[in-house]
C-alpha atoms as a PDB file:
ATOM      1  CA  UNK A   1       0.000   0.000   0.000  1.00  0.00           C
ATOM      2  CA  UNK A   2       1.500   3.311  -1.034  1.00  0.00           C
ATOM      3  CA  UNK A   3       1.518   6.417   1.100  1.00  0.00           C
ATOM      4  CA  UNK A   4      -0.665   9.351   0.117  1.00  0.00           C
ATOM      5  CA  UNK A   5       1.967  11.884  -0.980  1.00  0.00           C
ATOM      6  CA  UNK A   6      -0.509  14.771  -0.776  1.00  0.00           C
ATOM      7  CA  UNK A   7      -1.210  13.970   2.865  1.00  0.00           C
ATOM      8  CA  UNK A   8       2.479  13.527   3.719  1.00  0.00           C
ATOM      9  CA  UNK A   9       3.332  16.921   2.226  1.00  0.00           C
ATOM     10  CA  UNK A  10       0.439  18.573   4.073  1.00  0.00           C
ATOM     11  CA  UNK A  11       1.353  16.833   7.317  1.00  0.00           C
ATOM     12  CA  UNK A  12       4.896  18.166   7.131  1.00  0.00           C
ATOM     13  CA  UNK A  13       3.619  21.675   6.402  1.00  0.00           C
ATOM     14  CA  UNK A  14       1.210  21.601   9.359  1.00  0.00           C
ATOM     15  CA  UNK A  15       3.525  19.930  11.896  1.00  0.00           C
ATOM     16  CA  UNK A  16       5.640  22.986  12.696  1.00  0.00           C
ATOM     17  CA  UNK A  17       2.572  25.201  13.188  1.00  0.00           C
ATOM     18  CA  UNK A  18       0.804  22.665  15.382  1.00  0.00           C
ATOM     19  CA  UNK A  19       3.949  22.200  17.461  1.00  0.00           C
ATOM     20  CA  UNK A  20       4.514  25.945  17.837  1.00  0.00           C
ATOM     21  CA  UNK A  21       0.903  26.492  18.871  1.00  0.00           C
ATOM     22  CA  UNK A  22       0.933  23.713  21.471  1.00  0.00           C
ATOM     23  CA  UNK A  23       4.323  24.729  22.896  1.00  0.00           C
ATOM     24  CA  UNK A  24       3.244  28.359  23.243  1.00  0.00           C
ATOM     25  CA  UNK A  25      -0.061  27.363  24.820  1.00  0.00           C
ATOM     26  CA  UNK A  26       1.766  25.046  27.219  1.00  0.00           C
ATOM     27  CA  UNK A  27       4.062  27.902  28.209  1.00  0.00           C
ATOM     28  CA  UNK A  28       1.044  30.100  28.892  1.00  0.00           C
ATOM     29  CA  UNK A  29      -0.649  27.369  30.933  1.00  0.00           C
ATOM     30  CA  UNK A  30       2.542  26.978  32.962  1.00  0.00           C
ATOM     31  CA  UNK A  31       2.586  30.709  33.748  1.00  0.00           C
ATOM     32  CA  UNK A  32      -1.033  30.543  34.871  1.00  0.00           C
ATOM     33  CA  UNK A  33      -0.303  27.517  37.053  1.00  0.00           C
ATOM     34  CA  UNK A  34       2.693  29.217  38.659  1.00  0.00           C
ATOM     35  CA  UNK A  35       0.761  32.362  39.600  1.00  0.00           C
ATOM     36  CA  UNK A  36      -2.210  30.455  41.019  1.00  0.00           C
ATOM     37  CA  UNK A  37      -0.061  28.038  43.031  1.00  0.00           C
ATOM     38  CA  UNK A  38       2.043  30.948  44.282  1.00  0.00           C
ATOM     39  CA  UNK A  39      -1.011  31.911  46.332  1.00  0.00           C
ATOM     40  CA  UNK A  40      -2.512  28.521  47.011  1.00  0.00           C
ATOM     41  CA  UNK A  41      -0.220  25.570  46.388  1.00  0.00           C
ATOM     42  CA  UNK A  42      -2.984  23.053  47.016  1.00  0.00           C
ATOM     43  CA  UNK A  43      -5.652  24.699  44.867  1.00  0.00           C
ATOM     44  CA  UNK A  44      -4.707  22.992  41.621  1.00  0.00           C
ATOM     45  CA  UNK A  45      -3.296  19.822  43.126  1.00  0.00           C
ATOM     46  CA  UNK A  46      -6.430  18.774  44.998  1.00  0.00           C
ATOM     47  CA  UNK A  47      -9.087  19.960  42.583  1.00  0.00           C
ATOM     48  CA  UNK A  48      -9.484  19.929  38.839  1.00  0.00           C
ATOM     49  CA  UNK A  49     -10.207  23.471  37.745  1.00  0.00           C
ATOM     50  CA  UNK A  50     -11.298  24.052  34.161  1.00  0.00           C
ATOM     51  CA  UNK A  51      -8.903  26.144  32.088  1.00  0.00           C
ATOM     52  CA  UNK A  52     -11.230  29.098  31.652  1.00  0.00           C
ATOM     53  CA  UNK A  53     -11.840  29.201  35.430  1.00  0.00           C
ATOM     54  CA  UNK A  54      -8.073  29.081  36.040  1.00  0.00           C
ATOM     55  CA  UNK A  55      -7.664  31.839  33.473  1.00  0.00           C
ATOM     56  CA  UNK A  56     -10.167  34.086  35.258  1.00  0.00           C
ATOM     57  CA  UNK A  57      -8.498  33.399  38.610  1.00  0.00           C
ATOM     58  CA  UNK A  58      -5.125  34.204  37.042  1.00  0.00           C
ATOM     59  CA  UNK A  59      -6.537  37.403  35.566  1.00  0.00           C
ATOM     60  CA  UNK A  60      -7.893  38.511  38.937  1.00  0.00           C
ATOM     61  CA  UNK A  61      -4.690  37.712  40.850  1.00  0.00           C
ATOM     62  CA  UNK A  62      -2.473  39.458  38.327  1.00  0.00           C
ATOM     63  CA  UNK A  63      -4.668  42.510  37.720  1.00  0.00           C
ATOM     64  CA  UNK A  64      -5.000  43.332  41.410  1.00  0.00           C
ATOM     65  CA  UNK A  65      -1.236  43.709  41.638  1.00  0.00           C
ATOM     66  CA  UNK A  66      -0.985  46.323  38.901  1.00  0.00           C
ATOM     67  CA  UNK A  67      -1.909  49.931  39.642  1.00  0.00           C
ATOM     68  CA  UNK A  68      -1.523  51.447  36.174  1.00  0.00           C
ATOM     69  CA  UNK A  69      -4.892  51.352  34.381  1.00  0.00           C
ATOM     70  CA  UNK A  70      -3.371  51.004  30.900  1.00  0.00           C
ATOM     71  CA  UNK A  71      -1.295  48.029  32.067  1.00  0.00           C
ATOM     72  CA  UNK A  72      -4.371  46.343  33.547  1.00  0.00           C
ATOM     73  CA  UNK A  73      -6.365  46.877  30.333  1.00  0.00           C
ATOM     74  CA  UNK A  74      -3.550  45.573  28.130  1.00  0.00           C
ATOM     75  CA  UNK A  75      -3.080  42.553  30.397  1.00  0.00           C
ATOM     76  CA  UNK A  76      -6.809  41.766  30.413  1.00  0.00           C
ATOM     77  CA  UNK A  77      -6.905  42.092  26.627  1.00  0.00           C
ATOM     78  CA  UNK A  78      -4.088  39.536  26.342  1.00  0.00           C
ATOM     79  CA  UNK A  79      -5.909  37.157  28.682  1.00  0.00           C
ATOM     80  CA  UNK A  80      -9.106  37.544  26.651  1.00  0.00           C
ATOM     81  CA  UNK A  81      -7.155  36.746  23.479  1.00  0.00           C
ATOM     82  CA  UNK A  82      -5.769  33.596  25.131  1.00  0.00           C
ATOM     83  CA  UNK A  83      -9.276  32.594  26.170  1.00  0.00           C
ATOM     84  CA  UNK A  84     -10.448  33.020  22.583  1.00  0.00           C
ATOM     85  CA  UNK A  85      -7.722  30.663  21.349  1.00  0.00           C
ATOM     86  CA  UNK A  86      -8.574  27.888  23.812  1.00  0.00           C
ATOM     87  CA  UNK A  87     -11.083  26.163  21.518  1.00  0.00           C
ATOM     88  CA  UNK A  88      -8.419  25.897  18.839  1.00  0.00           C
ATOM     89  CA  UNK A  89      -6.027  24.438  21.425  1.00  0.00           C
ATOM     90  CA  UNK A  90      -8.566  21.765  22.351  1.00  0.00           C
ATOM     91  CA  UNK A  91      -9.334  21.006  18.735  1.00  0.00           C
ATOM     92  CA  UNK A  92      -5.653  20.519  17.930  1.00  0.00           C
ATOM     93  CA  UNK A  93      -5.053  18.430  21.047  1.00  0.00           C
ATOM     94  CA  UNK A  94      -7.985  16.093  20.426  1.00  0.00           C
ATOM     95  CA  UNK A  95      -8.321  15.912  16.641  1.00  0.00           C
ATOM     96  CA  UNK A  96      -6.213  15.111  13.630  1.00  0.00           C
ATOM     97  CA  UNK A  97      -5.372  16.532  10.246  1.00  0.00           C
ATOM     98  CA  UNK A  98      -8.150  15.582   7.822  1.00  0.00           C
ATOM     99  CA  UNK A  99      -8.986  15.878   4.153  1.00  0.00           C
ATOM    100  CA  UNK A 100     -11.402  18.690   3.395  1.00  0.00           C
ATOM    101  CA  UNK A 101     -14.003  18.346   0.650  1.00  0.00           C
ATOM    102  CA  UNK A 102     -16.630  20.663  -0.741  1.00  0.00           C
ATOM    103  CA  UNK A 103     -19.723  19.712  -2.656  1.00  0.00           C
ATOM    104  CA  UNK A 104     -20.211  21.461  -5.993  1.00  0.00           C
ATOM    105  CA  UNK A 105     -23.476  22.356  -7.771  1.00  0.00           C
ATOM    106  CA  UNK A 106     -23.637  18.875  -9.341  1.00  0.00           C
ATOM    107  CA  UNK A 107     -23.250  17.317  -5.887  1.00  0.00           C
ATOM    108  CA  UNK A 108     -19.727  16.085  -6.610  1.00  0.00           C
ATOM    109  CA  UNK A 109     -17.308  16.104  -3.692  1.00  0.00           C
ATOM    110  CA  UNK A 110     -14.110  17.958  -4.550  1.00  0.00           C
ATOM    111  CA  UNK A 111     -10.910  17.879  -2.522  1.00  0.00           C
ATOM    112  CA  UNK A 112     -10.080  21.443  -1.420  1.00  0.00           C
ATOM    113  CA  UNK A 113      -7.255  20.872   1.061  1.00  0.00           C
ATOM    114  CA  UNK A 114      -6.797  19.860   4.660  1.00  0.00           C
ATOM    115  CA  UNK A 115      -8.095  21.007   8.009  1.00  0.00           C
ATOM    116  CA  UNK A 116      -8.344  20.024  11.626  1.00  0.00           C
ATOM    117  CA  UNK A 117     -11.940  19.580  12.653  1.00  0.00           C
ATOM    118  CA  UNK A 118     -13.873  17.919  15.399  1.00  0.00           C
ATOM    119  CA  UNK A 119     -16.376  15.185  14.872  1.00  0.00           C
ATOM    120  CA  UNK A 120     -19.347  16.809  16.562  1.00  0.00           C
ATOM    121  CA  UNK A 121     -21.741  18.937  14.571  1.00  0.00           C
ATOM    122  CA  UNK A 122     -20.948  22.114  16.534  1.00  0.00           C
ATOM    123  CA  UNK A 123     -17.148  21.713  16.507  1.00  0.00           C
ATOM    124  CA  UNK A 124     -14.988  24.347  14.912  1.00  0.00           C
ATOM    125  CA  UNK A 125     -12.732  23.700  11.959  1.00  0.00           C
ATOM    126  CA  UNK A 126      -9.251  25.105  11.460  1.00  0.00           C
ATOM    127  CA  UNK A 127      -7.685  25.445   8.031  1.00  0.00           C
ATOM    128  CA  UNK A 128      -4.033  26.320   7.439  1.00  0.00           C
ATOM    129  CA  UNK A 129      -4.652  30.064   7.212  1.00  0.00           C
ATOM    130  CA  UNK A 130      -6.632  30.126  10.453  1.00  0.00           C
ATOM    131  CA  UNK A 131      -3.950  28.085  12.218  1.00  0.00           C
ATOM    132  CA  UNK A 132      -1.239  30.415  10.907  1.00  0.00           C
ATOM    133  CA  UNK A 133      -3.156  33.416  12.294  1.00  0.00           C
ATOM    134  CA  UNK A 134      -3.763  31.640  15.616  1.00  0.00           C
ATOM    135  CA  UNK A 135      -0.052  30.830  15.957  1.00  0.00           C
ATOM    136  CA  UNK A 136       0.821  34.470  15.312  1.00  0.00           C
ATOM    137  CA  UNK A 137      -1.713  35.699  17.889  1.00  0.00           C
ATOM    138  CA  UNK A 138      -0.627  33.139  20.469  1.00  0.00           C
ATOM    139  CA  UNK A 139       3.043  33.999  19.996  1.00  0.00           C
ATOM    140  CA  UNK A 140       2.207  37.644  20.683  1.00  0.00           C
ATOM    141  CA  UNK A 141       0.161  36.633  23.751  1.00  0.00           C
ATOM    142  CA  UNK A 142       3.077  34.558  25.078  1.00  0.00           C
ATOM    143  CA  UNK A 143       5.481  37.455  24.514  1.00  0.00           C
ATOM    144  CA  UNK A 144       3.135  39.939  26.188  1.00  0.00           C
ATOM    145  CA  UNK A 145       2.435  37.570  29.053  1.00  0.00           C
ATOM    146  CA  UNK A 146       6.165  37.240  29.699  1.00  0.00           C
ATOM    147  CA  UNK A 147       6.327  41.021  30.166  1.00  0.00           C
ATOM    148  CA  UNK A 148       3.360  40.944  32.549  1.00  0.00           C
ATOM    149  CA  UNK A 149       4.905  38.080  34.489  1.00  0.00           C
ATOM    150  CA  UNK A 150       8.098  40.107  34.922  1.00  0.00           C
ATOM    151  CA  UNK A 151       6.011  43.018  36.187  1.00  0.00           C
ATOM    152  CA  UNK A 152       4.133  40.655  38.501  1.00  0.00           C
ATOM    153  CA  UNK A 153       7.375  39.367  39.997  1.00  0.00           C
ATOM    154  CA  UNK A 154       8.673  42.923  40.473  1.00  0.00           C
ATOM    155  CA  UNK A 155       5.451  43.847  42.290  1.00  0.00           C
ATOM    156  CA  UNK A 156       5.613  40.706  44.425  1.00  0.00           C
ATOM    157  CA  UNK A 157       9.254  41.296  45.277  1.00  0.00           C
ATOM    158  CA  UNK A 158       8.636  44.914  46.220  1.00  0.00           C
ATOM    159  CA  UNK A 159       5.532  44.113  48.238  1.00  0.00           C
ATOM    160  CA  UNK A 160       7.497  41.516  50.159  1.00  0.00           C
ATOM    161  CA  UNK A 161      10.119  44.066  51.131  1.00  0.00           C
ATOM    162  CA  UNK A 162       8.160  47.323  50.863  1.00  0.00           C
ATOM    163  CA  UNK A 163       4.582  48.290  51.525  1.00  0.00           C
ATOM    164  CA  UNK A 164       3.475  49.862  48.208  1.00  0.00           C
ATOM    165  CA  UNK A 165       2.953  48.298  44.748  1.00  0.00           C
ATOM    166  CA  UNK A 166       4.567  49.762  41.652  1.00  0.00           C
ATOM    167  CA  UNK A 167       3.043  50.988  38.407  1.00  0.00           C
END
């Protein structure tokens, strides 16, 4: 049985994007975990907390440490962007690369490319362009989050040794 060359070429093209997306999302999830467990080490170990609940807890913990309104708004915008990318993360983690077909006027099924899509009726579908955009957005979120984490650690350090937070 011969390999489907079209699929192998597509798989190679998609692999780097899928890997980048999952690595960046994992890095973000690690940052969230670290902040939450900084305040309650047992919170995540004893109880399963859904990602979006952890994200809101993370947002609240981080935002209350910043005093500059523009910083809070920018941080919350980044967190909202991460939240919006979570469905794509789940789709990638639990689905596979699939052939994509479209029916024409004569009811013929024509191959139009590849996508990652769920099996339920209401699942989203991600084509290469959408994944490329998601990777770009997530990379920016990871970069921005790193800056906010540095600010968070500065605030925590100063509040440990001083009484007032910084901007």
